[in-house]
Amino acid sequence: MRRLVECLRGNSRVRKVTPMIDRMVFVRFKEEYRTDTKRAEIASHSENTLRAVPQVRAIRVATALDDKTRQDWDMLLAIRLDSIEDLEPFRLNPIHREYVDNYLKPKMAQIKGWNFS
């Protein structure tokens, strides 16, 4: 999916297409949060909270399905943004900051994130 952006350059409009991005974030929880019940609670809270961030166009939160996946990761956050330029405003948004700093960080042992278009 691509987004059409109109920019003003001098006295004329310039149109450019910027790709939407999918931000994929994998989270491993601290041992005390690595139960099915805790994973589900954290996933639900994560989805409900991050959905309120204005830059988020779509979100999918999933928990590890099988034992092999659970060895390394507990939760996946798949977040769609309009463009790579929206990533920094998303990261700095007060809702996102509160979620990461005060809710997720105390529960996580490891986090990895990548961007795809």
Protein backbone atom coordinates (compact mmCIF):
# COMPACT_ATOMS: atom_id res chain seq x y z
CA MET A 1 0.00 0.00 0.00
CA ARG A 2 1.31 3.46 -0.82
CA ARG A 3 0.31 6.94 0.23
CA LEU A 4 0.22 9.94 -2.08
CA VAL A 5 1.71 13.06 -0.53
CA GLU A 6 1.46 16.54 -1.98
CA CYS A 7 4.24 18.95 -1.10
CA LEU A 8 4.73 22.58 -1.96
CA ARG A 9 8.02 23.29 -3.68
CA GLY A 10 8.35 26.90 -4.73
CA ASN A 11 5.11 27.87 -6.45
CA SER A 12 4.23 24.38 -7.65
CA ARG A 13 2.90 21.24 -6.07
CA VAL A 14 5.08 18.16 -6.12
CA ARG A 15 3.47 14.77 -5.69
CA LYS A 16 5.42 11.88 -4.31
CA VAL A 17 4.41 8.43 -3.20
CA THR A 18 5.67 7.19 0.14
CA PRO A 19 5.23 3.58 1.19
CA MET A 20 3.25 2.67 4.26
CA ILE A 21 5.40 0.88 6.80
CA ASP A 22 4.83 -2.04 9.10
CA ARG A 23 6.70 -1.78 12.38
CA MET A 24 7.28 -5.29 13.73
CA VAL A 25 8.23 -5.44 17.41
CA PHE A 26 9.05 -8.68 19.22
CA VAL A 27 8.97 -8.71 23.02
CA ARG A 28 10.25 -11.25 25.51
CA PHE A 29 8.83 -10.87 29.01
CA LYS A 30 10.50 -11.34 32.36
CA GLU A 31 9.93 -14.83 33.76
CA GLU A 32 7.06 -13.82 36.06
CA TYR A 33 5.06 -12.61 33.03
CA ARG A 34 5.69 -15.65 30.81
CA THR A 35 2.37 -17.42 31.42
CA ASP A 36 -0.50 -17.70 28.94
CA THR A 37 -2.72 -15.59 31.20
CA LYS A 38 -0.16 -12.80 31.61
CA ARG A 39 0.69 -12.83 27.88
CA ALA A 40 -3.00 -12.42 27.02
CA GLU A 41 -3.47 -9.59 29.53
CA ILE A 42 -0.43 -7.70 28.26
CA ALA A 43 -1.40 -8.25 24.62
CA SER A 44 -4.93 -6.95 25.20
CA HIS A 45 -3.70 -3.87 27.08
CA SER A 46 -1.08 -3.24 24.38
CA GLU A 47 -3.59 -3.31 21.55
CA ASN A 48 -6.13 -1.14 23.34
CA THR A 49 -3.52 1.44 24.33
CA LEU A 50 -1.54 1.71 21.10
CA ARG A 51 -4.68 1.90 18.96
CA ALA A 52 -5.21 5.39 20.45
CA VAL A 53 -1.93 6.77 19.06
CA PRO A 54 -2.85 9.02 16.09
CA GLN A 55 -0.11 7.72 13.77
CA VAL A 56 -1.30 4.11 14.10
CA ARG A 57 -3.35 3.11 11.04
CA ALA A 58 -3.69 -0.54 12.05
CA ILE A 59 -2.39 -2.77 14.79
CA ARG A 60 -2.22 -6.49 15.36
CA VAL A 61 -0.96 -7.96 18.59
CA ALA A 62 -0.20 -11.66 18.80
CA THR A 63 1.19 -13.96 21.45
CA ALA A 64 3.57 -16.84 20.87
CA LEU A 65 1.71 -19.88 19.59
CA ASP A 66 4.11 -22.79 19.98
CA ASP A 67 6.89 -23.87 22.32
CA LYS A 68 9.67 -23.05 19.86
CA THR A 69 8.47 -19.46 19.49
CA ARG A 70 7.90 -19.12 23.25
CA GLN A 71 11.56 -19.98 23.86
CA ASP A 72 12.54 -16.61 22.38
CA TRP A 73 9.52 -14.31 22.20
CA ASP A 74 6.22 -13.79 23.98
CA MET A 75 4.46 -11.09 21.96
CA LEU A 76 4.46 -9.51 18.52
CA LEU A 77 3.26 -5.97 17.87
CA ALA A 78 2.59 -5.35 14.16
CA ILE A 79 1.92 -1.64 13.78
CA ARG A 80 1.06 0.00 10.45
CA LEU A 81 2.02 3.65 9.92
CA ASP A 82 1.45 5.83 6.86
CA SER A 83 5.17 6.40 6.25
CA ILE A 84 8.63 6.19 7.75
CA GLU A 85 8.26 9.90 8.57
CA ASP A 86 5.50 8.95 11.02
CA LEU A 87 7.79 6.68 13.02
CA GLU A 88 9.43 9.37 15.14
CA PRO A 89 6.16 11.16 15.99
CA PHE A 90 4.72 7.74 16.90
CA ARG A 91 7.70 6.94 19.13
CA LEU A 92 7.49 10.34 20.87
CA ASN A 93 3.71 10.38 21.29
CA PRO A 94 2.81 10.67 25.01
CA ILE A 95 0.46 7.66 24.85
CA HIS A 96 3.24 5.51 23.36
CA ARG A 97 5.85 6.83 25.81
CA GLU A 98 3.60 6.11 28.81
CA TYR A 99 2.88 2.63 27.50
CA VAL A 100 6.54 1.76 26.85
CA ASP A 101 8.17 3.48 29.82
CA ASN A 102 5.68 2.70 32.57
CA TYR A 103 3.75 -0.36 31.41
CA LEU A 104 5.91 -2.49 29.11
CA LYS A 105 9.49 -1.88 30.28
CA PRO A 106 8.92 -3.20 33.81
CA LYS A 107 7.57 -6.45 32.30
CA MET A 108 10.05 -7.03 29.48
CA ALA A 109 13.40 -8.76 29.34
CA GLN A 110 14.13 -8.04 25.67
CA ILE A 111 12.67 -6.10 22.74
CA LYS A 112 13.56 -5.99 19.03
CA GLY A 113 11.94 -3.90 16.33
CA TRP A 114 12.17 -3.70 12.53
CA ASN A 115 10.47 -1.64 9.82
CA PHE A 116 9.14 -3.03 6.53
CA SER A 117 7.43 -1.45 3.54
